[in-house]
Amino acid sequence: MNLLEQYILEVFSVEPYESDWTSEFPERKFVKVNMKTTCYGVEITGDHIFNTEEWEKYQKQGYYMA
């Protein structure tokens, strides 16, 4: 499976995220991001979970790999 750039078109909300599995990573904080992305012309709107360090990086560069 190849990784492709998922370009961020619009961010609708960013909220702190906690779940059972996040307690396994006490040193990290997570966010749930509702956003619209595009990859090869296909636009998708949905929720994505990132740790806060990743999210800051993705916001600056305008895309993430998935």
PDB file of N, CA and C in Angstrom:
ATOM      1  N   MET A   1       0.839  -1.174   0.000  1.00  0.00           N
ATOM      2  CA  MET A   1       0.000   0.000   0.000  1.00  0.00           C
ATOM      3  C   MET A   1       0.887   1.241   0.000  1.00  0.00           C
ATOM      4  N   ASN A   2       0.607   2.160  -0.883  1.00  0.00           N
ATOM      5  CA  ASN A   2       1.378   3.394  -0.976  1.00  0.00           C
ATOM      6  C   ASN A   2       0.772   4.478  -0.106  1.00  0.00           C
ATOM      7  N   LEU A   3       1.627   5.288   0.485  1.00  0.00           N
ATOM      8  CA  LEU A   3       1.159   6.450   1.232  1.00  0.00           C
ATOM      9  C   LEU A   3       0.932   7.598   0.257  1.00  0.00           C
ATOM     10  N   LEU A   4      -0.151   8.333   0.452  1.00  0.00           N
ATOM     11  CA  LEU A   4      -0.487   9.459  -0.417  1.00  0.00           C
ATOM     12  C   LEU A   4      -0.699  10.709   0.418  1.00  0.00           C
ATOM     13  N   GLU A   5      -0.425  11.869  -0.185  1.00  0.00           N
ATOM     14  CA  GLU A   5      -0.649  13.140   0.498  1.00  0.00           C
ATOM     15  C   GLU A   5      -2.145  13.407   0.618  1.00  0.00           C
ATOM     16  N   GLN A   6      -2.590  13.674   1.824  1.00  0.00           N
ATOM     17  CA  GLN A   6      -3.973  14.055   2.100  1.00  0.00           C
ATOM     18  C   GLN A   6      -3.934  15.556   2.392  1.00  0.00           C
ATOM     19  N   TYR A   7      -4.298  16.371   1.416  1.00  0.00           N
ATOM     20  CA  TYR A   7      -4.210  17.820   1.569  1.00  0.00           C
ATOM     21  C   TYR A   7      -5.396  18.346   2.366  1.00  0.00           C
ATOM     22  N   ILE A   8      -5.104  19.192   3.342  1.00  0.00           N
ATOM     23  CA  ILE A   8      -6.127  19.757   4.218  1.00  0.00           C
ATOM     24  C   ILE A   8      -6.759  20.956   3.522  1.00  0.00           C
ATOM     25  N   LEU A   9      -8.058  20.871   3.243  1.00  0.00           N
ATOM     26  CA  LEU A   9      -8.773  21.963   2.589  1.00  0.00           C
ATOM     27  C   LEU A   9      -9.407  22.912   3.595  1.00  0.00           C
ATOM     28  N   GLU A  10     -10.049  22.342   4.624  1.00  0.00           N
ATOM     29  CA  GLU A  10     -10.768  23.158   5.595  1.00  0.00           C
ATOM     30  C   GLU A  10     -10.854  22.403   6.919  1.00  0.00           C
ATOM     31  N   VAL A  11     -10.618  23.121   8.012  1.00  0.00           N
ATOM     32  CA  VAL A  11     -10.723  22.542   9.352  1.00  0.00           C
ATOM     33  C   VAL A  11     -11.974  23.106  10.002  1.00  0.00           C
ATOM     34  N   PHE A  12     -12.869  22.220  10.432  1.00  0.00           N
ATOM     35  CA  PHE A  12     -14.129  22.642  11.041  1.00  0.00           C
ATOM     36  C   PHE A  12     -14.040  22.716  12.561  1.00  0.00           C
ATOM     37  N   SER A  13     -13.327  21.766  13.178  1.00  0.00           N
ATOM     38  CA  SER A  13     -13.176  21.796  14.634  1.00  0.00           C
ATOM     39  C   SER A  13     -11.957  20.990  15.058  1.00  0.00           C
ATOM     40  N   VAL A  14     -11.391  21.393  16.191  1.00  0.00           N
ATOM     41  CA  VAL A  14     -10.282  20.675  16.824  1.00  0.00           C
ATOM     42  C   VAL A  14     -10.623  20.576  18.304  1.00  0.00           C
ATOM     43  N   GLU A  15     -10.745  19.339  18.801  1.00  0.00           N
ATOM     44  CA  GLU A  15     -11.143  19.116  20.193  1.00  0.00           C
ATOM     45  C   GLU A  15     -10.164  18.159  20.862  1.00  0.00           C
ATOM     46  N   PRO A  16      -9.915  18.336  22.153  1.00  0.00           N
ATOM     47  CA  PRO A  16      -9.109  17.343  22.875  1.00  0.00           C
ATOM     48  C   PRO A  16      -9.787  15.973  22.778  1.00  0.00           C
ATOM     49  N   TYR A  17      -8.981  14.918  22.724  1.00  0.00           N
ATOM     50  CA  TYR A  17      -9.534  13.575  22.564  1.00  0.00           C
ATOM     51  C   TYR A  17      -8.961  12.649  23.627  1.00  0.00           C
ATOM     52  N   GLU A  18      -9.833  11.909  24.277  1.00  0.00           N
ATOM     53  CA  GLU A  18      -9.431  10.885  25.236  1.00  0.00           C
ATOM     54  C   GLU A  18     -10.283   9.646  25.021  1.00  0.00           C
ATOM     55  N   SER A  19      -9.632   8.495  25.135  1.00  0.00           N
ATOM     56  CA  SER A  19     -10.312   7.215  25.007  1.00  0.00           C
ATOM     57  C   SER A  19      -9.543   6.207  25.851  1.00  0.00           C
ATOM     58  N   ASP A  20     -10.037   4.987  25.922  1.00  0.00           N
ATOM     59  CA  ASP A  20      -9.348   3.962  26.706  1.00  0.00           C
ATOM     60  C   ASP A  20      -7.908   3.771  26.233  1.00  0.00           C
ATOM     61  N   TRP A  21      -7.713   3.717  24.928  1.00  0.00           N
ATOM     62  CA  TRP A  21      -6.382   3.442  24.399  1.00  0.00           C
ATOM     63  C   TRP A  21      -5.412   4.601  24.594  1.00  0.00           C
ATOM     64  N   THR A  22      -5.900   5.835  24.740  1.00  0.00           N
ATOM     65  CA  THR A  22      -4.983   6.969  24.915  1.00  0.00           C
ATOM     66  C   THR A  22      -4.280   6.919  26.269  1.00  0.00           C
ATOM     67  N   SER A  23      -4.852   6.217  27.235  1.00  0.00           N
ATOM     68  CA  SER A  23      -4.201   6.093  28.547  1.00  0.00           C
ATOM     69  C   SER A  23      -2.911   5.273  28.466  1.00  0.00           C
ATOM     70  N   GLU A  24      -2.723   4.540  27.371  1.00  0.00           N
ATOM     71  CA  GLU A  24      -1.484   3.788  27.163  1.00  0.00           C
ATOM     72  C   GLU A  24      -0.323   4.700  26.787  1.00  0.00           C
ATOM     73  N   PHE A  25      -0.620   5.967  26.482  1.00  0.00           N
ATOM     74  CA  PHE A  25       0.390   6.950  26.085  1.00  0.00           C
ATOM     75  C   PHE A  25       0.267   8.194  26.969  1.00  0.00           C
ATOM     76  N   PRO A  26       0.606   8.084  28.249  1.00  0.00           N
ATOM     77  CA  PRO A  26       0.388   9.208  29.168  1.00  0.00           C
ATOM     78  C   PRO A  26       1.217  10.445  28.832  1.00  0.00           C
ATOM     79  N   GLU A  27       2.301  10.279  28.091  1.00  0.00           N
ATOM     80  CA  GLU A  27       3.158  11.416  27.743  1.00  0.00           C
ATOM     81  C   GLU A  27       2.635  12.195  26.534  1.00  0.00           C
ATOM     82  N   ARG A  28       1.601  11.703  25.882  1.00  0.00           N
ATOM     83  CA  ARG A  28       1.067  12.358  24.680  1.00  0.00           C
ATOM     84  C   ARG A  28      -0.349  12.859  24.907  1.00  0.00           C
ATOM     85  N   LYS A  29      -0.681  13.936  24.199  1.00  0.00           N
ATOM     86  CA  LYS A  29      -2.052  14.439  24.181  1.00  0.00           C
ATOM     87  C   LYS A  29      -2.567  14.294  22.759  1.00  0.00           C
ATOM     88  N   PHE A  30      -3.854  14.017  22.642  1.00  0.00           N
ATOM     89  CA  PHE A  30      -4.458  13.771  21.341  1.00  0.00           C
ATOM     90  C   PHE A  30      -5.567  14.771  21.063  1.00  0.00           C
ATOM     91  N   VAL A  31      -5.805  15.004  19.765  1.00  0.00           N
ATOM     92  CA  VAL A  31      -6.903  15.867  19.337  1.00  0.00           C
ATOM     93  C   VAL A  31      -7.728  15.137  18.290  1.00  0.00           C
ATOM     94  N   LYS A  32      -9.026  15.443  18.282  1.00  0.00           N
ATOM     95  CA  LYS A  32      -9.925  14.943  17.235  1.00  0.00           C
ATOM     96  C   LYS A  32     -10.204  16.128  16.323  1.00  0.00           C
ATOM     97  N   VAL A  33      -9.864  15.969  15.052  1.00  0.00           N
ATOM     98  CA  VAL A  33      -9.990  17.049  14.083  1.00  0.00           C
ATOM     99  C   VAL A  33     -11.063  16.683  13.070  1.00  0.00           C
ATOM    100  N   ASN A  34     -12.069  17.541  12.936  1.00  0.00           N
ATOM    101  CA  ASN A  34     -13.074  17.377  11.890  1.00  0.00           C
ATOM    102  C   ASN A  34     -12.653  18.294  10.758  1.00  0.00           C
ATOM    103  N   MET A  35     -12.369  17.703   9.586  1.00  0.00           N
ATOM    104  CA  MET A  35     -11.837  18.495   8.481  1.00  0.00           C
ATOM    105  C   MET A  35     -12.197  17.890   7.134  1.00  0.00           C
ATOM    106  N   LYS A  36     -11.995  18.707   6.105  1.00  0.00           N
ATOM    107  CA  LYS A  36     -12.178  18.270   4.725  1.00  0.00           C
ATOM    108  C   LYS A  36     -10.792  18.134   4.105  1.00  0.00           C
ATOM    109  N   THR A  37     -10.541  16.972   3.497  1.00  0.00           N
ATOM    110  CA  THR A  37      -9.262  16.720   2.840  1.00  0.00           C
ATOM    111  C   THR A  37      -9.500  16.326   1.389  1.00  0.00           C
ATOM    112  N   THR A  38      -8.430  16.397   0.600  1.00  0.00           N
ATOM    113  CA  THR A  38      -8.506  15.942  -0.783  1.00  0.00           C
ATOM    114  C   THR A  38      -7.259  15.136  -1.125  1.00  0.00           C
ATOM    115  N   CYS A  39      -7.470  14.116  -1.936  1.00  0.00           N
ATOM    116  CA  CYS A  39      -6.380  13.293  -2.439  1.00  0.00           C
ATOM    117  C   CYS A  39      -6.751  12.886  -3.861  1.00  0.00           C
ATOM    118  N   TYR A  40      -5.983  13.343  -4.829  1.00  0.00           N
ATOM    119  CA  TYR A  40      -6.258  13.078  -6.237  1.00  0.00           C
ATOM    120  C   TYR A  40      -7.677  13.466  -6.628  1.00  0.00           C
ATOM    121  N   GLY A  41      -8.143  14.599  -6.115  1.00  0.00           N
ATOM    122  CA  GLY A  41      -9.445  15.134  -6.492  1.00  0.00           C
ATOM    123  C   GLY A  41     -10.629  14.587  -5.721  1.00  0.00           C
ATOM    124  N   VAL A  42     -10.401  13.619  -4.858  1.00  0.00           N
ATOM    125  CA  VAL A  42     -11.482  13.053  -4.055  1.00  0.00           C
ATOM    126  C   VAL A  42     -11.522  13.793  -2.722  1.00  0.00           C
ATOM    127  N   GLU A  43     -12.629  14.489  -2.462  1.00  0.00           N
ATOM    128  CA  GLU A  43     -12.773  15.243  -1.220  1.00  0.00           C
ATOM    129  C   GLU A  43     -13.530  14.418  -0.187  1.00  0.00           C
ATOM    130  N   ILE A  44     -12.995  14.394   1.026  1.00  0.00           N
ATOM    131  CA  ILE A  44     -13.600  13.636   2.120  1.00  0.00           C
ATOM    132  C   ILE A  44     -13.683  14.527   3.348  1.00  0.00           C
ATOM    133  N   THR A  45     -14.832  14.501   4.017  1.00  0.00           N
ATOM    134  CA  THR A  45     -15.008  15.209   5.281  1.00  0.00           C
ATOM    135  C   THR A  45     -15.189  14.176   6.379  1.00  0.00           C
ATOM    136  N   GLY A  46     -14.425  14.320   7.464  1.00  0.00           N
ATOM    137  CA  GLY A  46     -14.553  13.365   8.555  1.00  0.00           C
ATOM    138  C   GLY A  46     -13.674  13.719   9.727  1.00  0.00           C
ATOM    139  N   ASP A  47     -13.734  12.863  10.751  1.00  0.00           N
ATOM    140  CA  ASP A  47     -12.938  13.039  11.959  1.00  0.00           C
ATOM    141  C   ASP A  47     -11.642  12.247  11.843  1.00  0.00           C
ATOM    142  N   HIS A  48     -10.571  12.848  12.331  1.00  0.00           N
ATOM    143  CA  HIS A  48      -9.257  12.209  12.338  1.00  0.00           C
ATOM    144  C   HIS A  48      -8.633  12.449  13.704  1.00  0.00           C
ATOM    145  N   ILE A  49      -7.917  11.444  14.219  1.00  0.00           N
ATOM    146  CA  ILE A  49      -7.260  11.542  15.521  1.00  0.00           C
ATOM    147  C   ILE A  49      -5.757  11.661  15.289  1.00  0.00           C
ATOM    148  N   PHE A  50      -5.152  12.685  15.898  1.00  0.00           N
ATOM    149  CA  PHE A  50      -3.707  12.902  15.814  1.00  0.00           C
ATOM    150  C   PHE A  50      -3.185  13.228  17.206  1.00  0.00           C
ATOM    151  N   ASN A  51      -1.886  12.972  17.438  1.00  0.00           N
ATOM    152  CA  ASN A  51      -1.321  13.529  18.660  1.00  0.00           C
ATOM    153  C   ASN A  51      -1.019  14.997  18.366  1.00  0.00           C
ATOM    154  N   THR A  52      -0.914  15.801  19.405  1.00  0.00           N
ATOM    155  CA  THR A  52      -0.822  17.252  19.210  1.00  0.00           C
ATOM    156  C   THR A  52       0.427  17.658  18.442  1.00  0.00           C
ATOM    157  N   GLU A  53       1.535  16.951  18.631  1.00  0.00           N
ATOM    158  CA  GLU A  53       2.763  17.269  17.892  1.00  0.00           C
ATOM    159  C   GLU A  53       2.571  17.037  16.395  1.00  0.00           C
ATOM    160  N   GLU A  54       1.974  15.897  16.042  1.00  0.00           N
ATOM    161  CA  GLU A  54       1.700  15.615  14.626  1.00  0.00           C
ATOM    162  C   GLU A  54       0.789  16.676  14.035  1.00  0.00           C
ATOM    163  N   TRP A  55      -0.276  17.026  14.747  1.00  0.00           N
ATOM    164  CA  TRP A  55      -1.256  17.962  14.227  1.00  0.00           C
ATOM    165  C   TRP A  55      -0.626  19.326  13.944  1.00  0.00           C
ATOM    166  N   GLU A  56       0.234  19.807  14.832  1.00  0.00           N
ATOM    167  CA  GLU A  56       0.910  21.084  14.604  1.00  0.00           C
ATOM    168  C   GLU A  56       1.750  21.027  13.329  1.00  0.00           C
ATOM    169  N   LYS A  57       2.453  19.922  13.131  1.00  0.00           N
ATOM    170  CA  LYS A  57       3.272  19.745  11.928  1.00  0.00           C
ATOM    171  C   LYS A  57       2.395  19.724  10.673  1.00  0.00           C
ATOM    172  N   TYR A  58       1.300  18.979  10.710  1.00  0.00           N
ATOM    173  CA  TYR A  58       0.424  18.853   9.544  1.00  0.00           C
ATOM    174  C   TYR A  58      -0.243  20.177   9.198  1.00  0.00           C
ATOM    175  N   GLN A  59      -0.592  20.961  10.208  1.00  0.00           N
ATOM    176  CA  GLN A  59      -1.188  22.269   9.950  1.00  0.00           C
ATOM    177  C   GLN A  59      -0.212  23.158   9.197  1.00  0.00           C
ATOM    178  N   LYS A  60       1.052  23.144   9.602  1.00  0.00           N
ATOM    179  CA  LYS A  60       2.065  23.991   8.964  1.00  0.00           C
ATOM    180  C   LYS A  60       2.320  23.578   7.520  1.00  0.00           C
ATOM    181  N   GLN A  61       2.427  22.267   7.279  1.00  0.00           N
ATOM    182  CA  GLN A  61       2.754  21.820   5.927  1.00  0.00           C
ATOM    183  C   GLN A  61       1.529  21.689   5.028  1.00  0.00           C
ATOM    184  N   GLY A  62       0.322  21.651   5.607  1.00  0.00           N
ATOM    185  CA  GLY A  62      -0.896  21.636   4.807  1.00  0.00           C
ATOM    186  C   GLY A  62      -1.358  20.269   4.332  1.00  0.00           C
ATOM    187  N   TYR A  63      -0.665  19.221   4.742  1.00  0.00           N
ATOM    188  CA  TYR A  63      -1.068  17.863   4.361  1.00  0.00           C
ATOM    189  C   TYR A  63      -0.480  16.864   5.341  1.00  0.00           C
ATOM    190  N   TYR A  64      -0.994  15.629   5.285  1.00  0.00           N
ATOM    191  CA  TYR A  64      -0.407  14.518   6.024  1.00  0.00           C
ATOM    192  C   TYR A  64      -0.428  13.304   5.112  1.00  0.00           C
ATOM    193  N   MET A  65       0.371  12.326   5.445  1.00  0.00           N
ATOM    194  CA  MET A  65       0.466  11.114   4.637  1.00  0.00           C
ATOM    195  C   MET A  65      -0.420  10.027   5.235  1.00  0.00           C
ATOM    196  N   ALA A  66      -1.194   9.362   4.369  1.00  0.00           N
ATOM    197  CA  ALA A  66      -2.036   8.252   4.820  1.00  0.00           C
ATOM    198  C   ALA A  66      -2.207   7.261   3.687  1.00  0.00           C
TER     199      ALA A  66
END
